[in-house]
Protein backbone atom coordinates (compact mmCIF):
# COMPACT_ATOMS: atom_id res chain seq x y z
CA UNK A 1 6.87 -2.88 -25.06
CA UNK A 2 4.71 0.03 -23.99
CA UNK A 3 5.26 3.59 -25.20
CA UNK A 4 3.99 5.77 -22.38
CA UNK A 5 3.10 9.44 -22.10
CA UNK A 6 3.85 12.44 -24.24
CA UNK A 7 7.53 11.77 -23.58
CA UNK A 8 7.08 8.41 -25.40
CA UNK A 9 9.05 6.58 -22.73
CA UNK A 10 9.56 2.90 -23.55
CA UNK A 11 8.61 0.50 -20.77
CA UNK A 12 9.41 -3.19 -21.11
CA UNK A 13 7.43 -5.87 -19.29
CA UNK A 14 6.79 -9.58 -19.56
CA UNK A 15 3.50 -10.50 -21.20
CA UNK A 16 3.04 -13.56 -18.98
CA UNK A 17 3.46 -11.57 -15.74
CA UNK A 18 1.04 -8.84 -16.78
CA UNK A 19 -1.58 -11.28 -18.07
CA UNK A 20 -1.32 -13.45 -14.96
CA UNK A 21 -1.66 -10.54 -12.52
CA UNK A 22 -4.21 -8.26 -14.24
CA UNK A 23 -7.43 -9.06 -16.08
CA UNK A 24 -7.20 -5.89 -18.18
CA UNK A 25 -3.72 -6.79 -19.41
CA UNK A 26 -4.87 -10.38 -19.96
CA UNK A 27 -7.57 -9.16 -22.33
CA UNK A 28 -5.24 -6.68 -24.00
CA UNK A 29 -2.38 -9.13 -24.51
CA UNK A 30 -4.22 -12.34 -25.35
CA UNK A 31 -5.19 -13.46 -28.79
CA UNK A 32 -8.69 -12.68 -29.96
CA UNK A 33 -10.99 -15.03 -31.82
CA UNK A 34 -10.12 -13.56 -35.24
CA UNK A 35 -6.39 -14.22 -34.96
CA UNK A 36 -4.22 -17.08 -33.76
CA UNK A 37 -1.37 -14.70 -32.85
CA UNK A 38 -1.50 -12.39 -29.82
CA UNK A 39 -0.93 -8.65 -30.41
CA UNK A 40 2.77 -7.75 -30.45
CA UNK A 41 2.88 -4.03 -29.70
CA UNK A 42 4.37 -1.66 -29.03
CA UNK A 43 1.32 -0.56 -27.12
CA UNK A 44 0.90 3.21 -27.19
CA UNK A 45 -0.42 4.78 -23.96
CA UNK A 46 -0.09 8.45 -24.78
CA UNK A 47 -2.45 9.73 -22.10
CA UNK A 48 -0.78 7.93 -19.17
CA UNK A 49 2.00 9.50 -17.11
CA UNK A 50 5.12 7.28 -17.19
CA UNK A 51 5.54 7.50 -13.39
CA UNK A 52 2.02 6.19 -12.87
CA UNK A 53 2.42 3.36 -15.37
CA UNK A 54 5.74 2.34 -13.82
CA UNK A 55 4.06 2.24 -10.39
CA UNK A 56 1.39 -0.11 -11.78
CA UNK A 57 4.07 -2.34 -13.31
CA UNK A 58 6.02 -2.31 -10.03
CA UNK A 59 2.90 -3.42 -8.17
CA UNK A 60 2.14 -6.21 -10.64
CA UNK A 61 5.69 -7.56 -10.35
CA UNK A 62 6.21 -7.17 -6.60
CA UNK A 63 2.74 -6.92 -5.01
CA UNK A 64 3.87 -3.69 -3.35
CA UNK A 65 4.45 -0.15 -4.49
CA UNK A 66 5.81 3.08 -3.07
CA UNK A 67 3.72 6.10 -4.00
CA UNK A 68 4.49 9.78 -3.65
CA UNK A 69 2.39 12.93 -3.95
CA UNK A 70 2.92 13.17 -7.73
CA UNK A 71 1.41 9.74 -8.41
């Protein structure tokens, strides 16, 4: 679960899809050397616009995305 933007919109995504498709998410979602359990979230992304984050998630899931002038 990601909590995105000042609106605190909840966005749900599969850890395995994000980690497989994006190195940044892989690092963010994988376990570190000090713990045997990966981070659980929710992950707070207060400075990201929900529309932009949803476009990134759409791309990671579908390998395509439709953008508009606001994004």
